[in-house]
Amino acid sequence: MSCPICNADTVLTYRPFCSRRCADTDLARWMNGAYAVPSEREDDLDVPDDEAPPTH
């Protein structure tokens, strides 16, 4: 198995990464929004404010 960040061989301690550096890089990408899990929920769709249903 290779590291998803740099393609080096993985190390058991940091698996699926090869090092702490690559693990931290992956975490930073999640926290900065570079990765996102798509949602199909209706309330998650981007709707312009003028078309949004009123909130009570």
PDB file of N, CA and C in Angstrom:
ATOM      1  N   MET A   1       0.848  -1.168   0.000  1.00  0.00           N
ATOM      2  CA  MET A   1       0.000   0.000   0.000  1.00  0.00           C
ATOM      3  C   MET A   1       0.894   1.232   0.000  1.00  0.00           C
ATOM      4  N   SER A   2       0.495   2.243  -0.739  1.00  0.00           N
ATOM      5  CA  SER A   2       1.294   3.463  -0.786  1.00  0.00           C
ATOM      6  C   SER A   2       0.537   4.625  -0.160  1.00  0.00           C
ATOM      7  N   CYS A   3       1.283   5.594   0.312  1.00  0.00           N
ATOM      8  CA  CYS A   3       0.738   6.784   0.951  1.00  0.00           C
ATOM      9  C   CYS A   3      -0.108   7.563  -0.060  1.00  0.00           C
ATOM     10  N   PRO A   4      -1.331   7.957   0.322  1.00  0.00           N
ATOM     11  CA  PRO A   4      -2.176   8.701  -0.606  1.00  0.00           C
ATOM     12  C   PRO A   4      -1.693  10.131  -0.868  1.00  0.00           C
ATOM     13  N   ILE A   5      -0.767  10.621  -0.061  1.00  0.00           N
ATOM     14  CA  ILE A   5      -0.257  11.984  -0.240  1.00  0.00           C
ATOM     15  C   ILE A   5       0.982  12.001  -1.139  1.00  0.00           C
ATOM     16  N   CYS A   6       1.973  11.140  -0.847  1.00  0.00           N
ATOM     17  CA  CYS A   6       3.240  11.205  -1.594  1.00  0.00           C
ATOM     18  C   CYS A   6       3.594   9.907  -2.316  1.00  0.00           C
ATOM     19  N   ASN A   7       2.778   8.885  -2.192  1.00  0.00           N
ATOM     20  CA  ASN A   7       2.972   7.584  -2.838  1.00  0.00           C
ATOM     21  C   ASN A   7       4.159   6.773  -2.316  1.00  0.00           C
ATOM     22  N   ALA A   8       4.747   7.163  -1.191  1.00  0.00           N
ATOM     23  CA  ALA A   8       5.809   6.354  -0.573  1.00  0.00           C
ATOM     24  C   ALA A   8       5.175   5.147   0.117  1.00  0.00           C
ATOM     25  N   ASP A   9       5.990   4.176   0.495  1.00  0.00           N
ATOM     26  CA  ASP A   9       5.474   3.023   1.235  1.00  0.00           C
ATOM     27  C   ASP A   9       4.934   3.485   2.587  1.00  0.00           C
ATOM     28  N   THR A  10       3.848   2.867   3.033  1.00  0.00           N
ATOM     29  CA  THR A  10       3.258   3.260   4.307  1.00  0.00           C
ATOM     30  C   THR A  10       4.048   2.691   5.478  1.00  0.00           C
ATOM     31  N   VAL A  11       3.862   3.304   6.629  1.00  0.00           N
ATOM     32  CA  VAL A  11       4.470   2.869   7.879  1.00  0.00           C
ATOM     33  C   VAL A  11       3.309   2.507   8.804  1.00  0.00           C
ATOM     34  N   LEU A  12       3.407   1.357   9.452  1.00  0.00           N
ATOM     35  CA  LEU A  12       2.316   0.856  10.279  1.00  0.00           C
ATOM     36  C   LEU A  12       1.813   1.900  11.281  1.00  0.00           C
ATOM     37  N   THR A  13       2.711   2.640  11.887  1.00  0.00           N
ATOM     38  CA  THR A  13       2.339   3.636  12.890  1.00  0.00           C
ATOM     39  C   THR A  13       1.423   4.716  12.323  1.00  0.00           C
ATOM     40  N   TYR A  14       1.630   5.095  11.068  1.00  0.00           N
ATOM     41  CA  TYR A  14       0.872   6.194  10.452  1.00  0.00           C
ATOM     42  C   TYR A  14      -0.070   5.731   9.357  1.00  0.00           C
ATOM     43  N   ARG A  15      -0.252   4.449   9.231  1.00  0.00           N
ATOM     44  CA  ARG A  15      -1.048   3.903   8.150  1.00  0.00           C
ATOM     45  C   ARG A  15      -2.404   4.561   8.061  1.00  0.00           C
ATOM     46  N   PRO A  16      -2.866   4.995   6.918  1.00  0.00           N
ATOM     47  CA  PRO A  16      -2.414   4.668   5.570  1.00  0.00           C
ATOM     48  C   PRO A  16      -1.345   5.611   5.025  1.00  0.00           C
ATOM     49  N   PHE A  17      -0.739   6.407   5.892  1.00  0.00           N
ATOM     50  CA  PHE A  17       0.279   7.363   5.455  1.00  0.00           C
ATOM     51  C   PHE A  17       1.678   6.826   5.730  1.00  0.00           C
ATOM     52  N   CYS A  18       2.677   7.528   5.202  1.00  0.00           N
ATOM     53  CA  CYS A  18       4.059   7.097   5.396  1.00  0.00           C
ATOM     54  C   CYS A  18       4.717   7.807   6.564  1.00  0.00           C
ATOM     55  N   SER A  19       4.150   8.938   6.989  1.00  0.00           N
ATOM     56  CA  SER A  19       4.780   9.725   8.048  1.00  0.00           C
ATOM     57  C   SER A  19       3.754  10.629   8.714  1.00  0.00           C
ATOM     58  N   ARG A  20       4.173  11.213   9.802  1.00  0.00           N
ATOM     59  CA  ARG A  20       3.319  12.180  10.510  1.00  0.00           C
ATOM     60  C   ARG A  20       3.057  13.389   9.617  1.00  0.00           C
ATOM     61  N   ARG A  21       4.060  13.781   8.842  1.00  0.00           N
ATOM     62  CA  ARG A  21       3.929  14.927   7.941  1.00  0.00           C
ATOM     63  C   ARG A  21       2.793  14.723   6.955  1.00  0.00           C
ATOM     64  N   CYS A  22       2.720  13.551   6.324  1.00  0.00           N
ATOM     65  CA  CYS A  22       1.658  13.282   5.352  1.00  0.00           C
ATOM     66  C   CYS A  22       0.297  13.162   6.038  1.00  0.00           C
ATOM     67  N   ALA A  23       0.264  12.588   7.235  1.00  0.00           N
ATOM     68  CA  ALA A  23      -0.984  12.504   7.985  1.00  0.00           C
ATOM     69  C   ALA A  23      -1.487  13.910   8.320  1.00  0.00           C
ATOM     70  N   ASP A  24      -0.586  14.788   8.736  1.00  0.00           N
ATOM     71  CA  ASP A  24      -0.968  16.163   9.057  1.00  0.00           C
ATOM     72  C   ASP A  24      -1.397  16.934   7.811  1.00  0.00           C
ATOM     73  N   THR A  25      -0.748  16.665   6.688  1.00  0.00           N
ATOM     74  CA  THR A  25      -1.133  17.300   5.432  1.00  0.00           C
ATOM     75  C   THR A  25      -2.556  16.912   5.060  1.00  0.00           C
ATOM     76  N   ASP A  26      -2.882  15.643   5.209  1.00  0.00           N
ATOM     77  CA  ASP A  26      -4.230  15.169   4.909  1.00  0.00           C
ATOM     78  C   ASP A  26      -5.254  15.817   5.842  1.00  0.00           C
ATOM     79  N   LEU A  27      -4.945  15.888   7.122  1.00  0.00           N
ATOM     80  CA  LEU A  27      -5.846  16.513   8.083  1.00  0.00           C
ATOM     81  C   LEU A  27      -6.063  17.980   7.744  1.00  0.00           C
ATOM     82  N   ALA A  28      -5.008  18.680   7.393  1.00  0.00           N
ATOM     83  CA  ALA A  28      -5.127  20.096   7.026  1.00  0.00           C
ATOM     84  C   ALA A  28      -6.015  20.275   5.799  1.00  0.00           C
ATOM     85  N   ARG A  29      -5.920  19.380   4.853  1.00  0.00           N
ATOM     86  CA  ARG A  29      -6.780  19.461   3.663  1.00  0.00           C
ATOM     87  C   ARG A  29      -8.248  19.313   4.039  1.00  0.00           C
ATOM     88  N   TRP A  30      -8.552  18.394   4.957  1.00  0.00           N
ATOM     89  CA  TRP A  30      -9.941  18.243   5.424  1.00  0.00           C
ATOM     90  C   TRP A  30     -10.400  19.510   6.140  1.00  0.00           C
ATOM     91  N   MET A  31      -9.555  20.040   7.012  1.00  0.00           N
ATOM     92  CA  MET A  31      -9.945  21.204   7.807  1.00  0.00           C
ATOM     93  C   MET A  31     -10.072  22.470   6.975  1.00  0.00           C
ATOM     94  N   ASN A  32      -9.329  22.575   5.877  1.00  0.00           N
ATOM     95  CA  ASN A  32      -9.403  23.748   5.002  1.00  0.00           C
ATOM     96  C   ASN A  32     -10.491  23.629   3.948  1.00  0.00           C
ATOM     97  N   GLY A  33     -11.168  22.485   3.904  1.00  0.00           N
ATOM     98  CA  GLY A  33     -12.252  22.309   2.952  1.00  0.00           C
ATOM     99  C   GLY A  33     -11.804  21.833   1.584  1.00  0.00           C
ATOM    100  N   ALA A  34     -10.553  21.420   1.448  1.00  0.00           N
ATOM    101  CA  ALA A  34     -10.086  20.912   0.161  1.00  0.00           C
ATOM    102  C   ALA A  34     -10.770  19.593  -0.179  1.00  0.00           C
ATOM    103  N   TYR A  35     -11.112  18.827   0.864  1.00  0.00           N
ATOM    104  CA  TYR A  35     -11.872  17.601   0.677  1.00  0.00           C
ATOM    105  C   TYR A  35     -13.284  17.878   1.185  1.00  0.00           C
ATOM    106  N   ALA A  36     -14.248  17.281   0.551  1.00  0.00           N
ATOM    107  CA  ALA A  36     -15.626  17.429   1.017  1.00  0.00           C
ATOM    108  C   ALA A  36     -16.398  16.173   0.672  1.00  0.00           C
ATOM    109  N   VAL A  37     -17.304  15.816   1.531  1.00  0.00           N
ATOM    110  CA  VAL A  37     -18.176  14.677   1.288  1.00  0.00           C
ATOM    111  C   VAL A  37     -19.473  15.240   0.725  1.00  0.00           C
ATOM    112  N   PRO A  38     -19.840  14.848  -0.495  1.00  0.00           N
ATOM    113  CA  PRO A  38     -21.050  15.411  -1.093  1.00  0.00           C
ATOM    114  C   PRO A  38     -22.302  14.966  -0.346  1.00  0.00           C
ATOM    115  N   SER A  39     -23.274  15.829  -0.329  1.00  0.00           N
ATOM    116  CA  SER A  39     -24.546  15.532   0.313  1.00  0.00           C
ATOM    117  C   SER A  39     -25.664  15.681  -0.702  1.00  0.00           C
ATOM    118  N   GLU A  40     -26.634  14.825  -0.589  1.00  0.00           N
ATOM    119  CA  GLU A  40     -27.797  14.933  -1.469  1.00  0.00           C
ATOM    120  C   GLU A  40     -29.026  15.376  -0.689  1.00  0.00           C
ATOM    121  N   ARG A  41     -28.821  15.792   0.559  1.00  0.00           N
ATOM    122  CA  ARG A  41     -29.933  16.278   1.360  1.00  0.00           C
ATOM    123  C   ARG A  41     -30.436  17.588   0.785  1.00  0.00           C
ATOM    124  N   GLU A  42     -31.735  17.737   0.734  1.00  0.00           N
ATOM    125  CA  GLU A  42     -32.346  18.922   0.141  1.00  0.00           C
ATOM    126  C   GLU A  42     -31.962  20.197   0.885  1.00  0.00           C
ATOM    127  N   ASP A  43     -31.865  20.143   2.204  1.00  0.00           N
ATOM    128  CA  ASP A  43     -31.547  21.346   2.974  1.00  0.00           C
ATOM    129  C   ASP A  43     -30.085  21.758   2.856  1.00  0.00           C
ATOM    130  N   ASP A  44     -29.250  20.937   2.229  1.00  0.00           N
ATOM    131  CA  ASP A  44     -27.846  21.285   2.030  1.00  0.00           C
ATOM    132  C   ASP A  44     -27.585  21.950   0.677  1.00  0.00           C
ATOM    133  N   LEU A  45     -28.592  22.011  -0.168  1.00  0.00           N
ATOM    134  CA  LEU A  45     -28.412  22.602  -1.484  1.00  0.00           C
ATOM    135  C   LEU A  45     -28.250  24.113  -1.352  1.00  0.00           C
ATOM    136  N   ASP A  46     -27.369  24.667  -2.162  1.00  0.00           N
ATOM    137  CA  ASP A  46     -27.189  26.117  -2.164  1.00  0.00           C
ATOM    138  C   ASP A  46     -28.351  26.762  -2.904  1.00  0.00           C
ATOM    139  N   VAL A  47     -29.088  27.604  -2.197  1.00  0.00           N
ATOM    140  CA  VAL A  47     -30.229  28.302  -2.783  1.00  0.00           C
ATOM    141  C   VAL A  47     -30.000  29.788  -2.554  1.00  0.00           C
ATOM    142  N   PRO A  48     -30.148  30.603  -3.605  1.00  0.00           N
ATOM    143  CA  PRO A  48     -29.997  32.049  -3.413  1.00  0.00           C
ATOM    144  C   PRO A  48     -30.972  32.554  -2.350  1.00  0.00           C
ATOM    145  N   ASP A  49     -30.568  33.574  -1.596  1.00  0.00           N
ATOM    146  CA  ASP A  49     -31.389  34.086  -0.492  1.00  0.00           C
ATOM    147  C   ASP A  49     -32.780  34.497  -0.935  1.00  0.00           C
ATOM    148  N   ASP A  50     -32.917  35.052  -2.128  1.00  0.00           N
ATOM    149  CA  ASP A  50     -34.239  35.484  -2.563  1.00  0.00           C
ATOM    150  C   ASP A  50     -35.159  34.342  -2.940  1.00  0.00           C
ATOM    151  N   GLU A  51     -34.629  33.131  -3.088  1.00  0.00           N
ATOM    152  CA  GLU A  51     -35.424  31.961  -3.412  1.00  0.00           C
ATOM    153  C   GLU A  51     -35.564  31.016  -2.220  1.00  0.00           C
ATOM    154  N   ALA A  52     -34.897  31.318  -1.146  1.00  0.00           N
ATOM    155  CA  ALA A  52     -34.946  30.436   0.023  1.00  0.00           C
ATOM    156  C   ALA A  52     -36.297  30.530   0.715  1.00  0.00           C
ATOM    157  N   PRO A  53     -36.795  29.411   1.230  1.00  0.00           N
ATOM    158  CA  PRO A  53     -38.059  29.457   1.955  1.00  0.00           C
ATOM    159  C   PRO A  53     -37.900  30.264   3.248  1.00  0.00           C
ATOM    160  N   PRO A  54     -38.956  30.909   3.689  1.00  0.00           N
ATOM    161  CA  PRO A  54     -38.849  31.708   4.915  1.00  0.00           C
ATOM    162  C   PRO A  54     -38.594  30.820   6.135  1.00  0.00           C
ATOM    163  N   THR A  55     -37.819  31.335   7.064  1.00  0.00           N
ATOM    164  CA  THR A  55     -37.564  30.610   8.303  1.00  0.00           C
ATOM    165  C   THR A  55     -38.360  31.256   9.417  1.00  0.00           C
ATOM    166  N   HIS A  56     -38.833  30.454  10.331  1.00  0.00           N
ATOM    167  CA  HIS A  56     -39.660  30.992  11.429  1.00  0.00           C
ATOM    168  C   HIS A  56     -38.949  30.859  12.726  1.00  0.00           C
TER     169      HIS A  56
END
